[in-house]
Amino acid sequence: FECQKYSAVPVDAHDIPLDIIITES
């Protein structure tokens, strides 16, 4: 949901970014 967007998510070495994120808007 769009309300789950955050300015900068903390990222660790094992975290893998997604290709796409889809919200309602």
PDBML (XML) file of the C-alpha atoms, coordinates in Angstrom:
<?xml version="1.0" encoding="UTF-8" ?>
<PDBx:datablock datablockName="MODEL"
   xmlns:PDBx="http://pdbml.pdb.org/schema/pdbx-v50.xsd"
   xmlns:xsi="http://www.w3.org/2001/XMLSchema-instance"
   xsi:schemaLocation="http://pdbml.pdb.org/schema/pdbx-v50.xsd pdbx-v50.xsd">
   <PDBx:atom_siteCategory>
      <PDBx:atom_site id="1">
         <PDBx:B_iso_or_equiv>0.00</PDBx:B_iso_or_equiv>
         <PDBx:Cartn_x>0.000</PDBx:Cartn_x>
         <PDBx:Cartn_y>0.000</PDBx:Cartn_y>
         <PDBx:Cartn_z>0.000</PDBx:Cartn_z>
         <PDBx:auth_asym_id>A</PDBx:auth_asym_id>
         <PDBx:auth_atom_id>CA</PDBx:auth_atom_id>
         <PDBx:auth_comp_id>PHE</PDBx:auth_comp_id>
         <PDBx:auth_seq_id>1</PDBx:auth_seq_id>
         <PDBx:group_PDB>ATOM</PDBx:group_PDB>
         <PDBx:label_alt_id xsi:nil="true" />
         <PDBx:label_asym_id>A</PDBx:label_asym_id>
         <PDBx:label_atom_id>CA</PDBx:label_atom_id>
         <PDBx:label_comp_id>PHE</PDBx:label_comp_id>
         <PDBx:label_entity_id>1</PDBx:label_entity_id>
         <PDBx:label_seq_id>1</PDBx:label_seq_id>
         <PDBx:occupancy>1.00</PDBx:occupancy>
         <PDBx:pdbx_PDB_model_num>1</PDBx:pdbx_PDB_model_num>
         <PDBx:type_symbol>C</PDBx:type_symbol>
      </PDBx:atom_site>
      <PDBx:atom_site id="2">
         <PDBx:B_iso_or_equiv>0.00</PDBx:B_iso_or_equiv>
         <PDBx:Cartn_x>1.226</PDBx:Cartn_x>
         <PDBx:Cartn_y>3.522</PDBx:Cartn_y>
         <PDBx:Cartn_z>-0.716</PDBx:Cartn_z>
         <PDBx:auth_asym_id>A</PDBx:auth_asym_id>
         <PDBx:auth_atom_id>CA</PDBx:auth_atom_id>
         <PDBx:auth_comp_id>GLU</PDBx:auth_comp_id>
         <PDBx:auth_seq_id>2</PDBx:auth_seq_id>
         <PDBx:group_PDB>ATOM</PDBx:group_PDB>
         <PDBx:label_alt_id xsi:nil="true" />
         <PDBx:label_asym_id>A</PDBx:label_asym_id>
         <PDBx:label_atom_id>CA</PDBx:label_atom_id>
         <PDBx:label_comp_id>GLU</PDBx:label_comp_id>
         <PDBx:label_entity_id>1</PDBx:label_entity_id>
         <PDBx:label_seq_id>2</PDBx:label_seq_id>
         <PDBx:occupancy>1.00</PDBx:occupancy>
         <PDBx:pdbx_PDB_model_num>1</PDBx:pdbx_PDB_model_num>
         <PDBx:type_symbol>C</PDBx:type_symbol>
      </PDBx:atom_site>
      <PDBx:atom_site id="3">
         <PDBx:B_iso_or_equiv>0.00</PDBx:B_iso_or_equiv>
         <PDBx:Cartn_x>1.217</PDBx:Cartn_x>
         <PDBx:Cartn_y>4.268</PDBx:Cartn_y>
         <PDBx:Cartn_z>3.043</PDBx:Cartn_z>
         <PDBx:auth_asym_id>A</PDBx:auth_asym_id>
         <PDBx:auth_atom_id>CA</PDBx:auth_atom_id>
         <PDBx:auth_comp_id>CYS</PDBx:auth_comp_id>
         <PDBx:auth_seq_id>3</PDBx:auth_seq_id>
         <PDBx:group_PDB>ATOM</PDBx:group_PDB>
         <PDBx:label_alt_id xsi:nil="true" />
         <PDBx:label_asym_id>A</PDBx:label_asym_id>
         <PDBx:label_atom_id>CA</PDBx:label_atom_id>
         <PDBx:label_comp_id>CYS</PDBx:label_comp_id>
         <PDBx:label_entity_id>1</PDBx:label_entity_id>
         <PDBx:label_seq_id>3</PDBx:label_seq_id>
         <PDBx:occupancy>1.00</PDBx:occupancy>
         <PDBx:pdbx_PDB_model_num>1</PDBx:pdbx_PDB_model_num>
         <PDBx:type_symbol>C</PDBx:type_symbol>
      </PDBx:atom_site>
      <PDBx:atom_site id="4">
         <PDBx:B_iso_or_equiv>0.00</PDBx:B_iso_or_equiv>
         <PDBx:Cartn_x>4.064</PDBx:Cartn_x>
         <PDBx:Cartn_y>1.736</PDBx:Cartn_y>
         <PDBx:Cartn_z>3.355</PDBx:Cartn_z>
         <PDBx:auth_asym_id>A</PDBx:auth_asym_id>
         <PDBx:auth_atom_id>CA</PDBx:auth_atom_id>
         <PDBx:auth_comp_id>GLN</PDBx:auth_comp_id>
         <PDBx:auth_seq_id>4</PDBx:auth_seq_id>
         <PDBx:group_PDB>ATOM</PDBx:group_PDB>
         <PDBx:label_alt_id xsi:nil="true" />
         <PDBx:label_asym_id>A</PDBx:label_asym_id>
         <PDBx:label_atom_id>CA</PDBx:label_atom_id>
         <PDBx:label_comp_id>GLN</PDBx:label_comp_id>
         <PDBx:label_entity_id>1</PDBx:label_entity_id>
         <PDBx:label_seq_id>4</PDBx:label_seq_id>
         <PDBx:occupancy>1.00</PDBx:occupancy>
         <PDBx:pdbx_PDB_model_num>1</PDBx:pdbx_PDB_model_num>
         <PDBx:type_symbol>C</PDBx:type_symbol>
      </PDBx:atom_site>
      <PDBx:atom_site id="5">
         <PDBx:B_iso_or_equiv>0.00</PDBx:B_iso_or_equiv>
         <PDBx:Cartn_x>6.470</PDBx:Cartn_x>
         <PDBx:Cartn_y>3.879</PDBx:Cartn_y>
         <PDBx:Cartn_z>1.346</PDBx:Cartn_z>
         <PDBx:auth_asym_id>A</PDBx:auth_asym_id>
         <PDBx:auth_atom_id>CA</PDBx:auth_atom_id>
         <PDBx:auth_comp_id>LYS</PDBx:auth_comp_id>
         <PDBx:auth_seq_id>5</PDBx:auth_seq_id>
         <PDBx:group_PDB>ATOM</PDBx:group_PDB>
         <PDBx:label_alt_id xsi:nil="true" />
         <PDBx:label_asym_id>A</PDBx:label_asym_id>
         <PDBx:label_atom_id>CA</PDBx:label_atom_id>
         <PDBx:label_comp_id>LYS</PDBx:label_comp_id>
         <PDBx:label_entity_id>1</PDBx:label_entity_id>
         <PDBx:label_seq_id>5</PDBx:label_seq_id>
         <PDBx:occupancy>1.00</PDBx:occupancy>
         <PDBx:pdbx_PDB_model_num>1</PDBx:pdbx_PDB_model_num>
         <PDBx:type_symbol>C</PDBx:type_symbol>
      </PDBx:atom_site>
      <PDBx:atom_site id="6">
         <PDBx:B_iso_or_equiv>0.00</PDBx:B_iso_or_equiv>
         <PDBx:Cartn_x>9.409</PDBx:Cartn_x>
         <PDBx:Cartn_y>5.222</PDBx:Cartn_y>
         <PDBx:Cartn_z>3.331</PDBx:Cartn_z>
         <PDBx:auth_asym_id>A</PDBx:auth_asym_id>
         <PDBx:auth_atom_id>CA</PDBx:auth_atom_id>
         <PDBx:auth_comp_id>TYR</PDBx:auth_comp_id>
         <PDBx:auth_seq_id>6</PDBx:auth_seq_id>
         <PDBx:group_PDB>ATOM</PDBx:group_PDB>
         <PDBx:label_alt_id xsi:nil="true" />
         <PDBx:label_asym_id>A</PDBx:label_asym_id>
         <PDBx:label_atom_id>CA</PDBx:label_atom_id>
         <PDBx:label_comp_id>TYR</PDBx:label_comp_id>
         <PDBx:label_entity_id>1</PDBx:label_entity_id>
         <PDBx:label_seq_id>6</PDBx:label_seq_id>
         <PDBx:occupancy>1.00</PDBx:occupancy>
         <PDBx:pdbx_PDB_model_num>1</PDBx:pdbx_PDB_model_num>
         <PDBx:type_symbol>C</PDBx:type_symbol>
      </PDBx:atom_site>
      <PDBx:atom_site id="7">
         <PDBx:B_iso_or_equiv>0.00</PDBx:B_iso_or_equiv>
         <PDBx:Cartn_x>12.049</PDBx:Cartn_x>
         <PDBx:Cartn_y>7.748</PDBx:Cartn_y>
         <PDBx:Cartn_z>2.278</PDBx:Cartn_z>
         <PDBx:auth_asym_id>A</PDBx:auth_asym_id>
         <PDBx:auth_atom_id>CA</PDBx:auth_atom_id>
         <PDBx:auth_comp_id>SER</PDBx:auth_comp_id>
         <PDBx:auth_seq_id>7</PDBx:auth_seq_id>
         <PDBx:group_PDB>ATOM</PDBx:group_PDB>
         <PDBx:label_alt_id xsi:nil="true" />
         <PDBx:label_asym_id>A</PDBx:label_asym_id>
         <PDBx:label_atom_id>CA</PDBx:label_atom_id>
         <PDBx:label_comp_id>SER</PDBx:label_comp_id>
         <PDBx:label_entity_id>1</PDBx:label_entity_id>
         <PDBx:label_seq_id>7</PDBx:label_seq_id>
         <PDBx:occupancy>1.00</PDBx:occupancy>
         <PDBx:pdbx_PDB_model_num>1</PDBx:pdbx_PDB_model_num>
         <PDBx:type_symbol>C</PDBx:type_symbol>
      </PDBx:atom_site>
      <PDBx:atom_site id="8">
         <PDBx:B_iso_or_equiv>0.00</PDBx:B_iso_or_equiv>
         <PDBx:Cartn_x>15.011</PDBx:Cartn_x>
         <PDBx:Cartn_y>5.344</PDBx:Cartn_y>
         <PDBx:Cartn_z>2.541</PDBx:Cartn_z>
         <PDBx:auth_asym_id>A</PDBx:auth_asym_id>
         <PDBx:auth_atom_id>CA</PDBx:auth_atom_id>
         <PDBx:auth_comp_id>ALA</PDBx:auth_comp_id>
         <PDBx:auth_seq_id>8</PDBx:auth_seq_id>
         <PDBx:group_PDB>ATOM</PDBx:group_PDB>
         <PDBx:label_alt_id xsi:nil="true" />
         <PDBx:label_asym_id>A</PDBx:label_asym_id>
         <PDBx:label_atom_id>CA</PDBx:label_atom_id>
         <PDBx:label_comp_id>ALA</PDBx:label_comp_id>
         <PDBx:label_entity_id>1</PDBx:label_entity_id>
         <PDBx:label_seq_id>8</PDBx:label_seq_id>
         <PDBx:occupancy>1.00</PDBx:occupancy>
         <PDBx:pdbx_PDB_model_num>1</PDBx:pdbx_PDB_model_num>
         <PDBx:type_symbol>C</PDBx:type_symbol>
      </PDBx:atom_site>
      <PDBx:atom_site id="9">
         <PDBx:B_iso_or_equiv>0.00</PDBx:B_iso_or_equiv>
         <PDBx:Cartn_x>14.737</PDBx:Cartn_x>
         <PDBx:Cartn_y>1.769</PDBx:Cartn_y>
         <PDBx:Cartn_z>3.768</PDBx:Cartn_z>
         <PDBx:auth_asym_id>A</PDBx:auth_asym_id>
         <PDBx:auth_atom_id>CA</PDBx:auth_atom_id>
         <PDBx:auth_comp_id>VAL</PDBx:auth_comp_id>
         <PDBx:auth_seq_id>9</PDBx:auth_seq_id>
         <PDBx:group_PDB>ATOM</PDBx:group_PDB>
         <PDBx:label_alt_id xsi:nil="true" />
         <PDBx:label_asym_id>A</PDBx:label_asym_id>
         <PDBx:label_atom_id>CA</PDBx:label_atom_id>
         <PDBx:label_comp_id>VAL</PDBx:label_comp_id>
         <PDBx:label_entity_id>1</PDBx:label_entity_id>
         <PDBx:label_seq_id>9</PDBx:label_seq_id>
         <PDBx:occupancy>1.00</PDBx:occupancy>
         <PDBx:pdbx_PDB_model_num>1</PDBx:pdbx_PDB_model_num>
         <PDBx:type_symbol>C</PDBx:type_symbol>
      </PDBx:atom_site>
      <PDBx:atom_site id="10">
         <PDBx:B_iso_or_equiv>0.00</PDBx:B_iso_or_equiv>
         <PDBx:Cartn_x>17.864</PDBx:Cartn_x>
         <PDBx:Cartn_y>0.638</PDBx:Cartn_y>
         <PDBx:Cartn_z>5.659</PDBx:Cartn_z>
         <PDBx:auth_asym_id>A</PDBx:auth_asym_id>
         <PDBx:auth_atom_id>CA</PDBx:auth_atom_id>
         <PDBx:auth_comp_id>PRO</PDBx:auth_comp_id>
         <PDBx:auth_seq_id>10</PDBx:auth_seq_id>
         <PDBx:group_PDB>ATOM</PDBx:group_PDB>
         <PDBx:label_alt_id xsi:nil="true" />
         <PDBx:label_asym_id>A</PDBx:label_asym_id>
         <PDBx:label_atom_id>CA</PDBx:label_atom_id>
         <PDBx:label_comp_id>PRO</PDBx:label_comp_id>
         <PDBx:label_entity_id>1</PDBx:label_entity_id>
         <PDBx:label_seq_id>10</PDBx:label_seq_id>
         <PDBx:occupancy>1.00</PDBx:occupancy>
         <PDBx:pdbx_PDB_model_num>1</PDBx:pdbx_PDB_model_num>
         <PDBx:type_symbol>C</PDBx:type_symbol>
      </PDBx:atom_site>
      <PDBx:atom_site id="11">
         <PDBx:B_iso_or_equiv>0.00</PDBx:B_iso_or_equiv>
         <PDBx:Cartn_x>19.687</PDBx:Cartn_x>
         <PDBx:Cartn_y>-1.943</PDBx:Cartn_y>
         <PDBx:Cartn_z>3.528</PDBx:Cartn_z>
         <PDBx:auth_asym_id>A</PDBx:auth_asym_id>
         <PDBx:auth_atom_id>CA</PDBx:auth_atom_id>
         <PDBx:auth_comp_id>VAL</PDBx:auth_comp_id>
         <PDBx:auth_seq_id>11</PDBx:auth_seq_id>
         <PDBx:group_PDB>ATOM</PDBx:group_PDB>
         <PDBx:label_alt_id xsi:nil="true" />
         <PDBx:label_asym_id>A</PDBx:label_asym_id>
         <PDBx:label_atom_id>CA</PDBx:label_atom_id>
         <PDBx:label_comp_id>VAL</PDBx:label_comp_id>
         <PDBx:label_entity_id>1</PDBx:label_entity_id>
         <PDBx:label_seq_id>11</PDBx:label_seq_id>
         <PDBx:occupancy>1.00</PDBx:occupancy>
         <PDBx:pdbx_PDB_model_num>1</PDBx:pdbx_PDB_model_num>
         <PDBx:type_symbol>C</PDBx:type_symbol>
      </PDBx:atom_site>
      <PDBx:atom_site id="12">
         <PDBx:B_iso_or_equiv>0.00</PDBx:B_iso_or_equiv>
         <PDBx:Cartn_x>22.000</PDBx:Cartn_x>
         <PDBx:Cartn_y>-4.710</PDBx:Cartn_y>
         <PDBx:Cartn_z>4.719</PDBx:Cartn_z>
         <PDBx:auth_asym_id>A</PDBx:auth_asym_id>
         <PDBx:auth_atom_id>CA</PDBx:auth_atom_id>
         <PDBx:auth_comp_id>ASP</PDBx:auth_comp_id>
         <PDBx:auth_seq_id>12</PDBx:auth_seq_id>
         <PDBx:group_PDB>ATOM</PDBx:group_PDB>
         <PDBx:label_alt_id xsi:nil="true" />
         <PDBx:label_asym_id>A</PDBx:label_asym_id>
         <PDBx:label_atom_id>CA</PDBx:label_atom_id>
         <PDBx:label_comp_id>ASP</PDBx:label_comp_id>
         <PDBx:label_entity_id>1</PDBx:label_entity_id>
         <PDBx:label_seq_id>12</PDBx:label_seq_id>
         <PDBx:occupancy>1.00</PDBx:occupancy>
         <PDBx:pdbx_PDB_model_num>1</PDBx:pdbx_PDB_model_num>
         <PDBx:type_symbol>C</PDBx:type_symbol>
      </PDBx:atom_site>
      <PDBx:atom_site id="13">
         <PDBx:B_iso_or_equiv>0.00</PDBx:B_iso_or_equiv>
         <PDBx:Cartn_x>24.422</PDBx:Cartn_x>
         <PDBx:Cartn_y>-6.662</PDBx:Cartn_y>
         <PDBx:Cartn_z>2.518</PDBx:Cartn_z>
         <PDBx:auth_asym_id>A</PDBx:auth_asym_id>
         <PDBx:auth_atom_id>CA</PDBx:auth_atom_id>
         <PDBx:auth_comp_id>ALA</PDBx:auth_comp_id>
         <PDBx:auth_seq_id>13</PDBx:auth_seq_id>
         <PDBx:group_PDB>ATOM</PDBx:group_PDB>
         <PDBx:label_alt_id xsi:nil="true" />
         <PDBx:label_asym_id>A</PDBx:label_asym_id>
         <PDBx:label_atom_id>CA</PDBx:label_atom_id>
         <PDBx:label_comp_id>ALA</PDBx:label_comp_id>
         <PDBx:label_entity_id>1</PDBx:label_entity_id>
         <PDBx:label_seq_id>13</PDBx:label_seq_id>
         <PDBx:occupancy>1.00</PDBx:occupancy>
         <PDBx:pdbx_PDB_model_num>1</PDBx:pdbx_PDB_model_num>
         <PDBx:type_symbol>C</PDBx:type_symbol>
      </PDBx:atom_site>
      <PDBx:atom_site id="14">
         <PDBx:B_iso_or_equiv>0.00</PDBx:B_iso_or_equiv>
         <PDBx:Cartn_x>22.029</PDBx:Cartn_x>
         <PDBx:Cartn_y>-9.642</PDBx:Cartn_y>
         <PDBx:Cartn_z>2.258</PDBx:Cartn_z>
         <PDBx:auth_asym_id>A</PDBx:auth_asym_id>
         <PDBx:auth_atom_id>CA</PDBx:auth_atom_id>
         <PDBx:auth_comp_id>HIS</PDBx:auth_comp_id>
         <PDBx:auth_seq_id>14</PDBx:auth_seq_id>
         <PDBx:group_PDB>ATOM</PDBx:group_PDB>
         <PDBx:label_alt_id xsi:nil="true" />
         <PDBx:label_asym_id>A</PDBx:label_asym_id>
         <PDBx:label_atom_id>CA</PDBx:label_atom_id>
         <PDBx:label_comp_id>HIS</PDBx:label_comp_id>
         <PDBx:label_entity_id>1</PDBx:label_entity_id>
         <PDBx:label_seq_id>14</PDBx:label_seq_id>
         <PDBx:occupancy>1.00</PDBx:occupancy>
         <PDBx:pdbx_PDB_model_num>1</PDBx:pdbx_PDB_model_num>
         <PDBx:type_symbol>C</PDBx:type_symbol>
      </PDBx:atom_site>
      <PDBx:atom_site id="15">
         <PDBx:B_iso_or_equiv>0.00</PDBx:B_iso_or_equiv>
         <PDBx:Cartn_x>19.013</PDBx:Cartn_x>
         <PDBx:Cartn_y>-7.520</PDBx:Cartn_y>
         <PDBx:Cartn_z>1.210</PDBx:Cartn_z>
         <PDBx:auth_asym_id>A</PDBx:auth_asym_id>
         <PDBx:auth_atom_id>CA</PDBx:auth_atom_id>
         <PDBx:auth_comp_id>ASP</PDBx:auth_comp_id>
         <PDBx:auth_seq_id>15</PDBx:auth_seq_id>
         <PDBx:group_PDB>ATOM</PDBx:group_PDB>
         <PDBx:label_alt_id xsi:nil="true" />
         <PDBx:label_asym_id>A</PDBx:label_asym_id>
         <PDBx:label_atom_id>CA</PDBx:label_atom_id>
         <PDBx:label_comp_id>ASP</PDBx:label_comp_id>
         <PDBx:label_entity_id>1</PDBx:label_entity_id>
         <PDBx:label_seq_id>15</PDBx:label_seq_id>
         <PDBx:occupancy>1.00</PDBx:occupancy>
         <PDBx:pdbx_PDB_model_num>1</PDBx:pdbx_PDB_model_num>
         <PDBx:type_symbol>C</PDBx:type_symbol>
      </PDBx:atom_site>
      <PDBx:atom_site id="16">
         <PDBx:B_iso_or_equiv>0.00</PDBx:B_iso_or_equiv>
         <PDBx:Cartn_x>17.944</PDBx:Cartn_x>
         <PDBx:Cartn_y>-7.863</PDBx:Cartn_y>
         <PDBx:Cartn_z>-2.421</PDBx:Cartn_z>
         <PDBx:auth_asym_id>A</PDBx:auth_asym_id>
         <PDBx:auth_atom_id>CA</PDBx:auth_atom_id>
         <PDBx:auth_comp_id>ILE</PDBx:auth_comp_id>
         <PDBx:auth_seq_id>16</PDBx:auth_seq_id>
         <PDBx:group_PDB>ATOM</PDBx:group_PDB>
         <PDBx:label_alt_id xsi:nil="true" />
         <PDBx:label_asym_id>A</PDBx:label_asym_id>
         <PDBx:label_atom_id>CA</PDBx:label_atom_id>
         <PDBx:label_comp_id>ILE</PDBx:label_comp_id>
         <PDBx:label_entity_id>1</PDBx:label_entity_id>
         <PDBx:label_seq_id>16</PDBx:label_seq_id>
         <PDBx:occupancy>1.00</PDBx:occupancy>
         <PDBx:pdbx_PDB_model_num>1</PDBx:pdbx_PDB_model_num>
         <PDBx:type_symbol>C</PDBx:type_symbol>
      </PDBx:atom_site>
      <PDBx:atom_site id="17">
         <PDBx:B_iso_or_equiv>0.00</PDBx:B_iso_or_equiv>
         <PDBx:Cartn_x>16.022</PDBx:Cartn_x>
         <PDBx:Cartn_y>-4.998</PDBx:Cartn_y>
         <PDBx:Cartn_z>-4.029</PDBx:Cartn_z>
         <PDBx:auth_asym_id>A</PDBx:auth_asym_id>
         <PDBx:auth_atom_id>CA</PDBx:auth_atom_id>
         <PDBx:auth_comp_id>PRO</PDBx:auth_comp_id>
         <PDBx:auth_seq_id>17</PDBx:auth_seq_id>
         <PDBx:group_PDB>ATOM</PDBx:group_PDB>
         <PDBx:label_alt_id xsi:nil="true" />
         <PDBx:label_asym_id>A</PDBx:label_asym_id>
         <PDBx:label_atom_id>CA</PDBx:label_atom_id>
         <PDBx:label_comp_id>PRO</PDBx:label_comp_id>
         <PDBx:label_entity_id>1</PDBx:label_entity_id>
         <PDBx:label_seq_id>17</PDBx:label_seq_id>
         <PDBx:occupancy>1.00</PDBx:occupancy>
         <PDBx:pdbx_PDB_model_num>1</PDBx:pdbx_PDB_model_num>
         <PDBx:type_symbol>C</PDBx:type_symbol>
      </PDBx:atom_site>
      <PDBx:atom_site id="18">
         <PDBx:B_iso_or_equiv>0.00</PDBx:B_iso_or_equiv>
         <PDBx:Cartn_x>12.932</PDBx:Cartn_x>
         <PDBx:Cartn_y>-5.929</PDBx:Cartn_y>
         <PDBx:Cartn_z>-6.013</PDBx:Cartn_z>
         <PDBx:auth_asym_id>A</PDBx:auth_asym_id>
         <PDBx:auth_atom_id>CA</PDBx:auth_atom_id>
         <PDBx:auth_comp_id>LEU</PDBx:auth_comp_id>
         <PDBx:auth_seq_id>18</PDBx:auth_seq_id>
         <PDBx:group_PDB>ATOM</PDBx:group_PDB>
         <PDBx:label_alt_id xsi:nil="true" />
         <PDBx:label_asym_id>A</PDBx:label_asym_id>
         <PDBx:label_atom_id>CA</PDBx:label_atom_id>
         <PDBx:label_comp_id>LEU</PDBx:label_comp_id>
         <PDBx:label_entity_id>1</PDBx:label_entity_id>
         <PDBx:label_seq_id>18</PDBx:label_seq_id>
         <PDBx:occupancy>1.00</PDBx:occupancy>
         <PDBx:pdbx_PDB_model_num>1</PDBx:pdbx_PDB_model_num>
         <PDBx:type_symbol>C</PDBx:type_symbol>
      </PDBx:atom_site>
      <PDBx:atom_site id="19">
         <PDBx:B_iso_or_equiv>0.00</PDBx:B_iso_or_equiv>
         <PDBx:Cartn_x>12.520</PDBx:Cartn_x>
         <PDBx:Cartn_y>-5.198</PDBx:Cartn_y>
         <PDBx:Cartn_z>-9.711</PDBx:Cartn_z>
         <PDBx:auth_asym_id>A</PDBx:auth_asym_id>
         <PDBx:auth_atom_id>CA</PDBx:auth_atom_id>
         <PDBx:auth_comp_id>ASP</PDBx:auth_comp_id>
         <PDBx:auth_seq_id>19</PDBx:auth_seq_id>
         <PDBx:group_PDB>ATOM</PDBx:group_PDB>
         <PDBx:label_alt_id xsi:nil="true" />
         <PDBx:label_asym_id>A</PDBx:label_asym_id>
         <PDBx:label_atom_id>CA</PDBx:label_atom_id>
         <PDBx:label_comp_id>ASP</PDBx:label_comp_id>
         <PDBx:label_entity_id>1</PDBx:label_entity_id>
         <PDBx:label_seq_id>19</PDBx:label_seq_id>
         <PDBx:occupancy>1.00</PDBx:occupancy>
         <PDBx:pdbx_PDB_model_num>1</PDBx:pdbx_PDB_model_num>
         <PDBx:type_symbol>C</PDBx:type_symbol>
      </PDBx:atom_site>
      <PDBx:atom_site id="20">
         <PDBx:B_iso_or_equiv>0.00</PDBx:B_iso_or_equiv>
         <PDBx:Cartn_x>9.136</PDBx:Cartn_x>
         <PDBx:Cartn_y>-3.509</PDBx:Cartn_y>
         <PDBx:Cartn_z>-9.305</PDBx:Cartn_z>
         <PDBx:auth_asym_id>A</PDBx:auth_asym_id>
         <PDBx:auth_atom_id>CA</PDBx:auth_atom_id>
         <PDBx:auth_comp_id>ILE</PDBx:auth_comp_id>
         <PDBx:auth_seq_id>20</PDBx:auth_seq_id>
         <PDBx:group_PDB>ATOM</PDBx:group_PDB>
         <PDBx:label_alt_id xsi:nil="true" />
         <PDBx:label_asym_id>A</PDBx:label_asym_id>
         <PDBx:label_atom_id>CA</PDBx:label_atom_id>
         <PDBx:label_comp_id>ILE</PDBx:label_comp_id>
         <PDBx:label_entity_id>1</PDBx:label_entity_id>
         <PDBx:label_seq_id>20</PDBx:label_seq_id>
         <PDBx:occupancy>1.00</PDBx:occupancy>
         <PDBx:pdbx_PDB_model_num>1</PDBx:pdbx_PDB_model_num>
         <PDBx:type_symbol>C</PDBx:type_symbol>
      </PDBx:atom_site>
      <PDBx:atom_site id="21">
         <PDBx:B_iso_or_equiv>0.00</PDBx:B_iso_or_equiv>
         <PDBx:Cartn_x>6.839</PDBx:Cartn_x>
         <PDBx:Cartn_y>-2.496</PDBx:Cartn_y>
         <PDBx:Cartn_z>-6.464</PDBx:Cartn_z>
         <PDBx:auth_asym_id>A</PDBx:auth_asym_id>
         <PDBx:auth_atom_id>CA</PDBx:auth_atom_id>
         <PDBx:auth_comp_id>ILE</PDBx:auth_comp_id>
         <PDBx:auth_seq_id>21</PDBx:auth_seq_id>
         <PDBx:group_PDB>ATOM</PDBx:group_PDB>
         <PDBx:label_alt_id xsi:nil="true" />
         <PDBx:label_asym_id>A</PDBx:label_asym_id>
         <PDBx:label_atom_id>CA</PDBx:label_atom_id>
         <PDBx:label_comp_id>ILE</PDBx:label_comp_id>
         <PDBx:label_entity_id>1</PDBx:label_entity_id>
         <PDBx:label_seq_id>21</PDBx:label_seq_id>
         <PDBx:occupancy>1.00</PDBx:occupancy>
         <PDBx:pdbx_PDB_model_num>1</PDBx:pdbx_PDB_model_num>
         <PDBx:type_symbol>C</PDBx:type_symbol>
      </PDBx:atom_site>
      <PDBx:atom_site id="22">
         <PDBx:B_iso_or_equiv>0.00</PDBx:B_iso_or_equiv>
         <PDBx:Cartn_x>3.179</PDBx:Cartn_x>
         <PDBx:Cartn_y>-1.876</PDBx:Cartn_y>
         <PDBx:Cartn_z>-7.223</PDBx:Cartn_z>
         <PDBx:auth_asym_id>A</PDBx:auth_asym_id>
         <PDBx:auth_atom_id>CA</PDBx:auth_atom_id>
         <PDBx:auth_comp_id>ILE</PDBx:auth_comp_id>
         <PDBx:auth_seq_id>22</PDBx:auth_seq_id>
         <PDBx:group_PDB>ATOM</PDBx:group_PDB>
         <PDBx:label_alt_id xsi:nil="true" />
         <PDBx:label_asym_id>A</PDBx:label_asym_id>
         <PDBx:label_atom_id>CA</PDBx:label_atom_id>
         <PDBx:label_comp_id>ILE</PDBx:label_comp_id>
         <PDBx:label_entity_id>1</PDBx:label_entity_id>
         <PDBx:label_seq_id>22</PDBx:label_seq_id>
         <PDBx:occupancy>1.00</PDBx:occupancy>
         <PDBx:pdbx_PDB_model_num>1</PDBx:pdbx_PDB_model_num>
         <PDBx:type_symbol>C</PDBx:type_symbol>
      </PDBx:atom_site>
      <PDBx:atom_site id="23">
         <PDBx:B_iso_or_equiv>0.00</PDBx:B_iso_or_equiv>
         <PDBx:Cartn_x>0.818</PDBx:Cartn_x>
         <PDBx:Cartn_y>0.072</PDBx:Cartn_y>
         <PDBx:Cartn_z>-4.973</PDBx:Cartn_z>
         <PDBx:auth_asym_id>A</PDBx:auth_asym_id>
         <PDBx:auth_atom_id>CA</PDBx:auth_atom_id>
         <PDBx:auth_comp_id>THR</PDBx:auth_comp_id>
         <PDBx:auth_seq_id>23</PDBx:auth_seq_id>
         <PDBx:group_PDB>ATOM</PDBx:group_PDB>
         <PDBx:label_alt_id xsi:nil="true" />
         <PDBx:label_asym_id>A</PDBx:label_asym_id>
         <PDBx:label_atom_id>CA</PDBx:label_atom_id>
         <PDBx:label_comp_id>THR</PDBx:label_comp_id>
         <PDBx:label_entity_id>1</PDBx:label_entity_id>
         <PDBx:label_seq_id>23</PDBx:label_seq_id>
         <PDBx:occupancy>1.00</PDBx:occupancy>
         <PDBx:pdbx_PDB_model_num>1</PDBx:pdbx_PDB_model_num>
         <PDBx:type_symbol>C</PDBx:type_symbol>
      </PDBx:atom_site>
      <PDBx:atom_site id="24">
         <PDBx:B_iso_or_equiv>0.00</PDBx:B_iso_or_equiv>
         <PDBx:Cartn_x>-2.763</PDBx:Cartn_x>
         <PDBx:Cartn_y>1.156</PDBx:Cartn_y>
         <PDBx:Cartn_z>-5.434</PDBx:Cartn_z>
         <PDBx:auth_asym_id>A</PDBx:auth_asym_id>
         <PDBx:auth_atom_id>CA</PDBx:auth_atom_id>
         <PDBx:auth_comp_id>GLU</PDBx:auth_comp_id>
         <PDBx:auth_seq_id>24</PDBx:auth_seq_id>
         <PDBx:group_PDB>ATOM</PDBx:group_PDB>
         <PDBx:label_alt_id xsi:nil="true" />
         <PDBx:label_asym_id>A</PDBx:label_asym_id>
         <PDBx:label_atom_id>CA</PDBx:label_atom_id>
         <PDBx:label_comp_id>GLU</PDBx:label_comp_id>
         <PDBx:label_entity_id>1</PDBx:label_entity_id>
         <PDBx:label_seq_id>24</PDBx:label_seq_id>
         <PDBx:occupancy>1.00</PDBx:occupancy>
         <PDBx:pdbx_PDB_model_num>1</PDBx:pdbx_PDB_model_num>
         <PDBx:type_symbol>C</PDBx:type_symbol>
      </PDBx:atom_site>
      <PDBx:atom_site id="25">
         <PDBx:B_iso_or_equiv>0.00</PDBx:B_iso_or_equiv>
         <PDBx:Cartn_x>-1.595</PDBx:Cartn_x>
         <PDBx:Cartn_y>4.444</PDBx:Cartn_y>
         <PDBx:Cartn_z>-6.968</PDBx:Cartn_z>
         <PDBx:auth_asym_id>A</PDBx:auth_asym_id>
         <PDBx:auth_atom_id>CA</PDBx:auth_atom_id>
         <PDBx:auth_comp_id>SER</PDBx:auth_comp_id>
         <PDBx:auth_seq_id>25</PDBx:auth_seq_id>
         <PDBx:group_PDB>ATOM</PDBx:group_PDB>
         <PDBx:label_alt_id xsi:nil="true" />
         <PDBx:label_asym_id>A</PDBx:label_asym_id>
         <PDBx:label_atom_id>CA</PDBx:label_atom_id>
         <PDBx:label_comp_id>SER</PDBx:label_comp_id>
         <PDBx:label_entity_id>1</PDBx:label_entity_id>
         <PDBx:label_seq_id>25</PDBx:label_seq_id>
         <PDBx:occupancy>1.00</PDBx:occupancy>
         <PDBx:pdbx_PDB_model_num>1</PDBx:pdbx_PDB_model_num>
         <PDBx:type_symbol>C</PDBx:type_symbol>
      </PDBx:atom_site>
   </PDBx:atom_siteCategory>
</PDBx:datablock>
